[in-house]
N, C-alpha and C. Protein backbone atom coordinates (compact mmCIF):
# COMPACT_ATOMS: atom_id res chain seq x y z
N UNK A 1 14.89 1.98 7.03
CA UNK A 1 13.61 1.59 7.59
C UNK A 1 12.59 2.72 7.47
N UNK A 2 13.01 3.95 7.70
CA UNK A 2 12.06 5.05 7.62
C UNK A 2 11.57 5.29 6.20
N UNK A 3 12.39 4.98 5.22
CA UNK A 3 11.96 5.23 3.85
C UNK A 3 11.24 4.04 3.24
N UNK A 4 11.79 2.85 3.36
CA UNK A 4 11.16 1.69 2.71
C UNK A 4 10.19 0.96 3.62
N UNK A 5 10.55 0.76 4.86
CA UNK A 5 9.70 0.00 5.79
C UNK A 5 8.37 0.66 6.03
N UNK A 6 8.36 1.96 6.14
CA UNK A 6 7.13 2.69 6.40
C UNK A 6 6.22 2.69 5.18
N UNK A 7 6.78 2.81 4.02
CA UNK A 7 5.98 2.89 2.81
C UNK A 7 5.49 1.51 2.35
N UNK A 8 6.22 0.46 2.67
CA UNK A 8 5.87 -0.88 2.20
C UNK A 8 4.89 -1.62 3.10
N UNK A 9 4.65 -1.11 4.29
CA UNK A 9 3.81 -1.81 5.25
C UNK A 9 2.62 -0.95 5.63
N UNK A 10 1.44 -1.55 5.56
CA UNK A 10 0.22 -0.86 5.96
C UNK A 10 0.20 -0.67 7.47
N UNK A 11 -0.36 0.43 7.97
CA UNK A 11 -0.41 0.68 9.42
C UNK A 11 -1.03 -0.48 10.21
N UNK A 12 -2.12 -1.05 9.70
CA UNK A 12 -2.76 -2.17 10.41
C UNK A 12 -1.81 -3.36 10.53
N UNK A 13 -1.04 -3.61 9.50
CA UNK A 13 -0.08 -4.72 9.53
C UNK A 13 1.01 -4.47 10.57
N UNK A 14 1.44 -3.23 10.70
CA UNK A 14 2.45 -2.90 11.72
C UNK A 14 1.92 -3.19 13.12
N UNK A 15 0.66 -2.81 13.36
CA UNK A 15 0.06 -3.06 14.68
C UNK A 15 -0.06 -4.56 14.92
N UNK A 16 -0.44 -5.32 13.90
CA UNK A 16 -0.52 -6.78 14.04
C UNK A 16 0.83 -7.38 14.41
N UNK A 17 1.89 -6.90 13.79
CA UNK A 17 3.24 -7.41 14.09
C UNK A 17 3.62 -7.07 15.53
N UNK A 18 3.29 -5.87 15.97
CA UNK A 18 3.59 -5.49 17.36
C UNK A 18 2.84 -6.39 18.32
N UNK A 19 1.56 -6.66 18.05
CA UNK A 19 0.76 -7.53 18.92
C UNK A 19 1.35 -8.94 18.95
N UNK A 20 1.73 -9.47 17.80
CA UNK A 20 2.36 -10.79 17.75
C UNK A 20 3.66 -10.81 18.55
N UNK A 21 4.42 -9.74 18.44
CA UNK A 21 5.67 -9.62 19.18
C UNK A 21 5.42 -9.62 20.69
N UNK A 22 4.37 -8.93 21.13
CA UNK A 22 4.02 -8.94 22.55
C UNK A 22 3.80 -10.36 23.03
N UNK A 23 3.09 -11.14 22.26
CA UNK A 23 2.79 -12.51 22.66
C UNK A 23 4.04 -13.37 22.68
N UNK A 24 4.86 -13.29 21.65
CA UNK A 24 6.01 -14.16 21.54
C UNK A 24 7.15 -13.76 22.46
N UNK A 25 7.49 -12.50 22.48
CA UNK A 25 8.66 -12.06 23.22
C UNK A 25 8.38 -11.76 24.69
N UNK A 26 7.21 -11.20 24.98
CA UNK A 26 6.93 -10.74 26.34
C UNK A 26 5.78 -11.49 27.02
N UNK A 27 5.16 -12.46 26.31
CA UNK A 27 4.04 -13.22 26.82
C UNK A 27 2.89 -12.32 27.30
N UNK A 28 2.64 -11.24 26.54
CA UNK A 28 1.52 -10.34 26.83
C UNK A 28 0.32 -10.84 26.03
N UNK A 29 -0.74 -11.18 26.72
CA UNK A 29 -1.91 -11.80 26.09
C UNK A 29 -2.86 -10.75 25.50
N UNK A 30 -3.78 -11.23 24.67
CA UNK A 30 -4.85 -10.38 24.16
C UNK A 30 -5.65 -9.81 25.32
N UNK A 31 -5.84 -10.62 26.35
CA UNK A 31 -6.61 -10.16 27.51
C UNK A 31 -5.94 -8.94 28.15
N UNK A 32 -4.64 -9.00 28.33
CA UNK A 32 -3.91 -7.88 28.93
C UNK A 32 -4.00 -6.65 28.04
N UNK A 33 -3.80 -6.84 26.75
CA UNK A 33 -3.88 -5.71 25.81
C UNK A 33 -5.29 -5.13 25.83
N UNK A 34 -6.30 -5.98 25.90
CA UNK A 34 -7.68 -5.49 25.90
C UNK A 34 -7.97 -4.64 27.14
N UNK A 35 -7.42 -5.03 28.27
CA UNK A 35 -7.61 -4.25 29.50
C UNK A 35 -6.99 -2.86 29.33
N UNK A 36 -5.76 -2.80 28.85
CA UNK A 36 -5.08 -1.51 28.65
C UNK A 36 -5.78 -0.66 27.59
N UNK A 37 -6.28 -1.29 26.53
CA UNK A 37 -6.90 -0.55 25.43
C UNK A 37 -8.36 -0.18 25.70
N UNK A 38 -8.99 -0.88 26.64
CA UNK A 38 -10.39 -0.61 26.91
C UNK A 38 -11.31 -1.13 25.83
N UNK A 39 -10.90 -2.22 25.18
CA UNK A 39 -11.73 -2.89 24.18
C UNK A 39 -11.76 -4.37 24.52
N UNK A 40 -12.68 -5.09 23.90
CA UNK A 40 -12.82 -6.51 24.23
C UNK A 40 -11.68 -7.34 23.62
N UNK A 41 -11.43 -8.44 24.27
CA UNK A 41 -10.45 -9.40 23.77
C UNK A 41 -10.87 -9.93 22.39
N UNK A 42 -12.18 -10.10 22.21
CA UNK A 42 -12.70 -10.54 20.91
C UNK A 42 -12.38 -9.54 19.81
N UNK A 43 -12.44 -8.25 20.14
CA UNK A 43 -12.12 -7.22 19.15
C UNK A 43 -10.67 -7.34 18.69
N UNK A 44 -9.78 -7.63 19.62
CA UNK A 44 -8.36 -7.79 19.25
C UNK A 44 -8.19 -9.02 18.37
N UNK A 45 -8.82 -10.10 18.75
CA UNK A 45 -8.75 -11.32 17.95
C UNK A 45 -9.31 -11.06 16.55
N UNK A 46 -10.44 -10.38 16.48
CA UNK A 46 -11.04 -10.05 15.18
C UNK A 46 -10.11 -9.16 14.35
N UNK A 47 -9.46 -8.20 14.99
CA UNK A 47 -8.54 -7.30 14.30
C UNK A 47 -7.38 -8.08 13.69
N UNK A 48 -6.84 -9.02 14.43
CA UNK A 48 -5.71 -9.81 13.94
C UNK A 48 -6.13 -10.65 12.73
N UNK A 49 -7.35 -11.15 12.74
CA UNK A 49 -7.86 -11.94 11.62
C UNK A 49 -8.19 -11.04 10.43
N UNK A 50 -8.91 -9.95 10.69
CA UNK A 50 -9.33 -9.01 9.65
C UNK A 50 -9.37 -7.62 10.25
N UNK A 51 -8.41 -6.80 9.92
CA UNK A 51 -8.29 -5.48 10.55
C UNK A 51 -9.48 -4.56 10.27
N UNK A 52 -10.28 -4.88 9.29
CA UNK A 52 -11.46 -4.06 9.00
C UNK A 52 -12.70 -4.51 9.76
N UNK A 53 -12.55 -5.49 10.63
CA UNK A 53 -13.70 -6.04 11.35
C UNK A 53 -14.04 -5.29 12.63
N UNK A 54 -13.24 -4.31 13.01
CA UNK A 54 -13.53 -3.54 14.21
C UNK A 54 -13.72 -2.07 13.83
N UNK A 55 -14.33 -1.32 14.72
CA UNK A 55 -14.60 0.09 14.44
C UNK A 55 -13.30 0.89 14.45
N UNK A 56 -13.35 2.06 13.84
CA UNK A 56 -12.18 2.95 13.83
C UNK A 56 -11.80 3.38 15.25
N UNK A 57 -12.80 3.56 16.11
CA UNK A 57 -12.52 3.93 17.50
C UNK A 57 -11.74 2.82 18.21
N UNK A 58 -12.17 1.57 18.03
CA UNK A 58 -11.46 0.45 18.64
C UNK A 58 -10.06 0.31 18.05
N UNK A 59 -9.96 0.48 16.75
CA UNK A 59 -8.66 0.39 16.08
C UNK A 59 -7.71 1.47 16.61
N UNK A 60 -8.22 2.67 16.81
CA UNK A 60 -7.42 3.77 17.36
C UNK A 60 -6.94 3.42 18.77
N UNK A 61 -7.84 2.96 19.62
CA UNK A 61 -7.47 2.60 20.99
C UNK A 61 -6.42 1.48 20.99
N UNK A 62 -6.60 0.51 20.12
CA UNK A 62 -5.65 -0.60 20.03
C UNK A 62 -4.29 -0.11 19.55
N UNK A 63 -4.28 0.72 18.54
CA UNK A 63 -3.02 1.22 17.99
C UNK A 63 -2.25 2.04 19.02
N UNK A 64 -2.93 2.94 19.70
CA UNK A 64 -2.27 3.78 20.72
C UNK A 64 -1.72 2.91 21.83
N UNK A 65 -2.48 1.94 22.29
CA UNK A 65 -2.04 1.04 23.35
C UNK A 65 -0.85 0.20 22.89
N UNK A 66 -0.94 -0.34 21.69
CA UNK A 66 0.15 -1.18 21.17
C UNK A 66 1.44 -0.38 21.04
N UNK A 67 1.34 0.83 20.52
CA UNK A 67 2.55 1.65 20.36
C UNK A 67 3.13 2.06 21.71
N UNK A 68 2.27 2.36 22.68
CA UNK A 68 2.75 2.72 24.01
C UNK A 68 3.43 1.52 24.69
N UNK A 69 2.80 0.35 24.62
CA UNK A 69 3.41 -0.85 25.21
C UNK A 69 4.71 -1.22 24.49
N UNK A 70 4.72 -1.04 23.19
CA UNK A 70 5.94 -1.31 22.41
C UNK A 70 7.07 -0.40 22.89
N UNK A 71 6.75 0.84 23.12
CA UNK A 71 7.74 1.80 23.61
C UNK A 71 8.27 1.39 24.99
N UNK A 72 7.37 1.03 25.87
CA UNK A 72 7.76 0.63 27.24
C UNK A 72 8.59 -0.66 27.22
N UNK A 73 8.14 -1.64 26.46
CA UNK A 73 8.81 -2.94 26.43
C UNK A 73 10.18 -2.90 25.77
N UNK A 74 10.43 -1.92 24.95
CA UNK A 74 11.70 -1.84 24.24
C UNK A 74 12.63 -0.77 24.79
N UNK A 75 12.36 -0.30 25.97
CA UNK A 75 13.26 0.65 26.64
C UNK A 75 14.49 -0.10 27.13
N UNK A 76 15.61 0.55 27.08
CA UNK A 76 16.86 -0.08 27.59
C UNK A 76 17.05 0.17 29.04
């Protein structure tokens, strides 16, 4: 995974998969993610549709929040 998975997947796509996983596995909504990230729910929706539609600052906040929530949700 560290050699092929990282090189074959764009960072934005990884964040999209994490967000989709939040919704499916943990029922975490865009609204909840937006509160934690400090960005609008519309920005998250726009990111999922087209990752280039939001600013780099919003993308950074979303990525950090998604990775942190992913870490918390997958703790044993």
